[in-house]
Amino acid sequence: MAISRELILEPADIRRISIQCACGAEAVFTLKKHAEIPSECPSCHKRWNEAFSALVSLCDIMDELEKHGLRFRVPDPESKLNPNKPAAKGE
């Protein structure tokens, strides 16, 4: 018998996201504040037109998901790394 574990994440749990530019630079920012999302790479200043639009939309979607009590269920990365690890008490 196989046992799998999941993490249950609410939209509020997903607070930060990163984007990596073709130049190799990576920017990390908060999903909740549109003002913090850069519209261009902080290193090479290439504009992120499509990615920027998608990220602004994602912020709005995450707010809507939170309002409706929707949650994400993702496999627990610990169970993938340690398939024989016993479950903690209460699981």
N, C-alpha and C. Protein backbone atom coordinates (compact mmCIF):
# COMPACT_ATOMS: atom_id res chain seq x y z
N MET A 1 0.85 -1.17 0.00
CA MET A 1 0.00 0.00 0.00
C MET A 1 0.90 1.24 0.00
N ALA A 2 0.58 2.18 -0.85
CA ALA A 2 1.33 3.44 -0.92
C ALA A 2 0.60 4.51 -0.13
N ILE A 3 1.37 5.30 0.57
CA ILE A 3 0.81 6.42 1.33
C ILE A 3 1.39 7.69 0.75
N SER A 4 0.53 8.62 0.42
CA SER A 4 1.02 9.90 -0.07
C SER A 4 0.53 11.01 0.83
N ARG A 5 1.32 12.04 0.92
CA ARG A 5 0.95 13.20 1.75
C ARG A 5 0.83 14.41 0.84
N GLU A 6 -0.06 15.31 1.23
CA GLU A 6 -0.26 16.54 0.48
C GLU A 6 -0.13 17.74 1.40
N LEU A 7 0.31 18.83 0.82
CA LEU A 7 0.26 20.12 1.50
C LEU A 7 -1.00 20.81 1.01
N ILE A 8 -1.72 21.43 1.90
CA ILE A 8 -2.90 22.19 1.52
C ILE A 8 -2.54 23.65 1.68
N LEU A 9 -2.52 24.37 0.58
CA LEU A 9 -2.12 25.77 0.57
C LEU A 9 -3.31 26.65 0.22
N GLU A 10 -3.49 27.67 0.99
CA GLU A 10 -4.49 28.68 0.66
C GLU A 10 -3.80 29.76 -0.16
N PRO A 11 -4.53 30.50 -0.96
CA PRO A 11 -3.90 31.55 -1.76
C PRO A 11 -3.03 32.50 -0.92
N ALA A 12 -3.43 32.76 0.32
CA ALA A 12 -2.64 33.65 1.18
C ALA A 12 -1.28 33.06 1.52
N ASP A 13 -1.14 31.73 1.42
CA ASP A 13 0.14 31.08 1.70
C ASP A 13 1.17 31.33 0.60
N ILE A 14 0.69 31.62 -0.59
CA ILE A 14 1.58 31.86 -1.73
C ILE A 14 1.79 33.36 -1.82
N ARG A 15 2.87 33.81 -1.24
CA ARG A 15 3.11 35.24 -1.08
C ARG A 15 4.14 35.82 -2.04
N ARG A 16 5.06 34.99 -2.49
CA ARG A 16 6.12 35.52 -3.33
C ARG A 16 6.28 34.68 -4.59
N ILE A 17 6.76 35.31 -5.64
CA ILE A 17 6.98 34.65 -6.92
C ILE A 17 8.26 35.22 -7.52
N SER A 18 8.90 34.44 -8.36
CA SER A 18 10.12 34.93 -9.00
C SER A 18 9.99 34.80 -10.51
N ILE A 19 10.73 35.64 -11.19
CA ILE A 19 10.79 35.57 -12.65
C ILE A 19 12.27 35.65 -13.02
N GLN A 20 12.67 34.78 -13.95
CA GLN A 20 14.06 34.78 -14.39
C GLN A 20 14.12 35.29 -15.82
N CYS A 21 14.96 36.28 -16.02
CA CYS A 21 15.14 36.91 -17.33
C CYS A 21 16.08 36.05 -18.18
N ALA A 22 16.04 36.27 -19.49
CA ALA A 22 16.94 35.58 -20.40
C ALA A 22 18.40 35.91 -20.10
N CYS A 23 18.65 37.06 -19.48
CA CYS A 23 20.03 37.45 -19.14
C CYS A 23 20.55 36.69 -17.91
N GLY A 24 19.66 35.95 -17.23
CA GLY A 24 20.06 35.17 -16.06
C GLY A 24 19.69 35.80 -14.74
N ALA A 25 19.33 37.07 -14.73
CA ALA A 25 18.93 37.74 -13.49
C ALA A 25 17.57 37.21 -13.04
N GLU A 26 17.36 37.18 -11.73
CA GLU A 26 16.09 36.73 -11.18
C GLU A 26 15.55 37.80 -10.24
N ALA A 27 14.27 38.09 -10.38
CA ALA A 27 13.60 39.06 -9.50
C ALA A 27 12.55 38.31 -8.69
N VAL A 28 12.50 38.57 -7.39
CA VAL A 28 11.53 37.95 -6.49
C VAL A 28 10.68 39.07 -5.91
N PHE A 29 9.36 38.89 -5.91
CA PHE A 29 8.49 39.93 -5.40
C PHE A 29 7.21 39.36 -4.84
N THR A 30 6.48 40.19 -4.13
CA THR A 30 5.23 39.81 -3.48
C THR A 30 4.09 39.83 -4.48
N LEU A 31 3.21 38.83 -4.37
CA LEU A 31 2.06 38.76 -5.27
C LEU A 31 0.96 39.76 -4.92
N LYS A 32 0.89 40.18 -3.68
CA LYS A 32 -0.23 41.01 -3.24
C LYS A 32 -0.15 42.47 -3.67
N LYS A 33 1.02 42.94 -3.98
CA LYS A 33 1.18 44.38 -4.25
C LYS A 33 1.60 44.60 -5.69
N HIS A 34 0.70 45.05 -6.50
CA HIS A 34 1.01 45.29 -7.91
C HIS A 34 2.17 46.28 -8.06
N ALA A 35 2.29 47.23 -7.17
CA ALA A 35 3.32 48.25 -7.29
C ALA A 35 4.72 47.65 -7.18
N GLU A 36 4.85 46.49 -6.54
CA GLU A 36 6.16 45.87 -6.37
C GLU A 36 6.58 45.00 -7.56
N ILE A 37 5.69 44.78 -8.50
CA ILE A 37 6.02 43.95 -9.64
C ILE A 37 6.75 44.81 -10.68
N PRO A 38 8.01 44.49 -10.95
CA PRO A 38 8.74 45.30 -11.94
C PRO A 38 8.27 44.99 -13.36
N SER A 39 8.22 45.99 -14.19
CA SER A 39 7.80 45.79 -15.58
C SER A 39 8.99 45.50 -16.48
N GLU A 40 10.19 45.51 -15.90
CA GLU A 40 11.40 45.22 -16.67
C GLU A 40 12.43 44.53 -15.79
N CYS A 41 13.38 43.89 -16.41
CA CYS A 41 14.46 43.22 -15.69
C CYS A 41 15.30 44.25 -14.95
N PRO A 42 15.57 44.04 -13.66
CA PRO A 42 16.37 45.01 -12.92
C PRO A 42 17.84 45.02 -13.36
N SER A 43 18.26 44.00 -14.10
CA SER A 43 19.65 43.91 -14.52
C SER A 43 19.87 44.48 -15.93
N CYS A 44 19.16 43.91 -16.92
CA CYS A 44 19.39 44.33 -18.32
C CYS A 44 18.33 45.32 -18.81
N HIS A 45 17.29 45.54 -18.04
CA HIS A 45 16.19 46.48 -18.33
C HIS A 45 15.32 46.09 -19.53
N LYS A 46 15.38 44.80 -19.90
CA LYS A 46 14.47 44.31 -20.95
C LYS A 46 13.07 44.29 -20.36
N ARG A 47 12.09 44.77 -21.13
CA ARG A 47 10.70 44.81 -20.65
C ARG A 47 10.09 43.41 -20.65
N TRP A 48 9.33 43.14 -19.59
CA TRP A 48 8.65 41.86 -19.42
C TRP A 48 7.18 42.05 -19.75
N ASN A 49 6.84 42.46 -20.95
CA ASN A 49 5.46 42.80 -21.30
C ASN A 49 4.47 41.68 -21.00
N GLU A 50 4.68 40.51 -21.58
CA GLU A 50 3.73 39.41 -21.39
C GLU A 50 3.76 38.88 -19.96
N ALA A 51 4.97 38.71 -19.43
CA ALA A 51 5.08 38.20 -18.05
C ALA A 51 4.48 39.19 -17.06
N PHE A 52 4.70 40.47 -17.27
CA PHE A 52 4.16 41.49 -16.37
C PHE A 52 2.63 41.45 -16.37
N SER A 53 2.03 41.37 -17.55
CA SER A 53 0.57 41.30 -17.64
C SER A 53 0.03 40.05 -16.95
N ALA A 54 0.71 38.92 -17.16
CA ALA A 54 0.28 37.67 -16.54
C ALA A 54 0.39 37.75 -15.01
N LEU A 55 1.43 38.38 -14.51
CA LEU A 55 1.62 38.49 -13.06
C LEU A 55 0.57 39.39 -12.41
N VAL A 56 0.23 40.47 -13.08
CA VAL A 56 -0.82 41.35 -12.56
C VAL A 56 -2.14 40.58 -12.51
N SER A 57 -2.43 39.81 -13.57
CA SER A 57 -3.64 38.99 -13.59
C SER A 57 -3.60 37.94 -12.49
N LEU A 58 -2.44 37.33 -12.26
CA LEU A 58 -2.31 36.33 -11.21
C LEU A 58 -2.61 36.92 -9.84
N CYS A 59 -2.15 38.14 -9.59
CA CYS A 59 -2.46 38.80 -8.31
C CYS A 59 -3.97 38.91 -8.12
N ASP A 60 -4.67 39.32 -9.16
CA ASP A 60 -6.13 39.46 -9.09
C ASP A 60 -6.80 38.10 -8.88
N ILE A 61 -6.32 37.09 -9.60
CA ILE A 61 -6.89 35.75 -9.47
C ILE A 61 -6.68 35.20 -8.06
N MET A 62 -5.50 35.39 -7.51
CA MET A 62 -5.22 34.90 -6.15
C MET A 62 -6.14 35.57 -5.14
N ASP A 63 -6.40 36.86 -5.30
CA ASP A 63 -7.33 37.56 -4.41
C ASP A 63 -8.73 36.94 -4.51
N GLU A 64 -9.19 36.64 -5.74
CA GLU A 64 -10.50 36.04 -5.93
C GLU A 64 -10.58 34.64 -5.32
N LEU A 65 -9.55 33.84 -5.54
CA LEU A 65 -9.51 32.49 -4.97
C LEU A 65 -9.61 32.54 -3.45
N GLU A 66 -8.91 33.49 -2.86
CA GLU A 66 -8.93 33.63 -1.40
C GLU A 66 -10.33 33.99 -0.91
N LYS A 67 -11.02 34.86 -1.63
CA LYS A 67 -12.38 35.27 -1.24
C LYS A 67 -13.34 34.08 -1.21
N HIS A 68 -13.12 33.12 -2.10
CA HIS A 68 -14.04 31.99 -2.23
C HIS A 68 -13.59 30.75 -1.46
N GLY A 69 -12.52 30.86 -0.68
CA GLY A 69 -12.08 29.76 0.15
C GLY A 69 -11.47 28.59 -0.61
N LEU A 70 -10.99 28.83 -1.82
CA LEU A 70 -10.38 27.76 -2.60
C LEU A 70 -8.94 27.53 -2.13
N ARG A 71 -8.50 26.27 -2.23
CA ARG A 71 -7.16 25.91 -1.78
C ARG A 71 -6.46 25.05 -2.82
N PHE A 72 -5.14 25.07 -2.78
CA PHE A 72 -4.31 24.23 -3.63
C PHE A 72 -3.89 23.00 -2.84
N ARG A 73 -3.87 21.85 -3.49
CA ARG A 73 -3.37 20.63 -2.86
C ARG A 73 -2.17 20.17 -3.69
N VAL A 74 -1.01 20.17 -3.06
CA VAL A 74 0.21 19.80 -3.77
C VAL A 74 0.91 18.67 -3.02
N PRO A 75 1.61 17.80 -3.76
CA PRO A 75 2.33 16.73 -3.09
C PRO A 75 3.36 17.32 -2.12
N ASP A 76 3.49 16.70 -0.97
CA ASP A 76 4.47 17.12 0.03
C ASP A 76 5.86 16.78 -0.49
N PRO A 77 6.73 17.79 -0.68
CA PRO A 77 8.07 17.50 -1.20
C PRO A 77 8.87 16.59 -0.27
N GLU A 78 8.59 16.63 1.02
CA GLU A 78 9.29 15.76 1.97
C GLU A 78 8.99 14.29 1.68
N SER A 79 7.75 13.98 1.30
CA SER A 79 7.40 12.59 1.06
C SER A 79 8.07 12.08 -0.21
N LYS A 80 8.36 12.95 -1.17
CA LYS A 80 9.08 12.54 -2.37
C LYS A 80 10.55 12.27 -2.06
N LEU A 81 11.13 13.10 -1.21
CA LEU A 81 12.53 12.94 -0.86
C LEU A 81 12.75 11.76 0.07
N ASN A 82 11.78 11.51 0.96
CA ASN A 82 11.89 10.49 1.98
C ASN A 82 10.65 9.60 1.96
N PRO A 83 10.49 8.73 0.96
CA PRO A 83 9.25 7.94 0.89
C PRO A 83 9.04 7.02 2.09
N ASN A 84 10.09 6.68 2.83
CA ASN A 84 9.97 5.80 3.97
C ASN A 84 9.85 6.55 5.29
N LYS A 85 9.83 7.89 5.22
CA LYS A 85 9.73 8.70 6.44
C LYS A 85 8.35 8.49 7.07
N PRO A 86 8.31 8.16 8.36
CA PRO A 86 7.01 7.97 9.00
C PRO A 86 6.27 9.29 9.12
N ALA A 87 4.95 9.21 9.07
CA ALA A 87 4.12 10.41 9.19
C ALA A 87 4.23 10.94 10.62
N ALA A 88 4.17 12.26 10.73
CA ALA A 88 4.20 12.90 12.05
C ALA A 88 2.89 12.64 12.77
N LYS A 89 2.91 12.79 14.08
CA LYS A 89 1.68 12.59 14.86
C LYS A 89 0.59 13.52 14.35
N GLY A 90 -0.62 13.00 14.28
CA GLY A 90 -1.76 13.81 13.86
C GLY A 90 -1.99 13.78 12.37
N GLU A 91 -1.13 13.08 11.60
CA GLU A 91 -1.32 13.04 10.15
C GLU A 91 -2.10 11.81 9.76
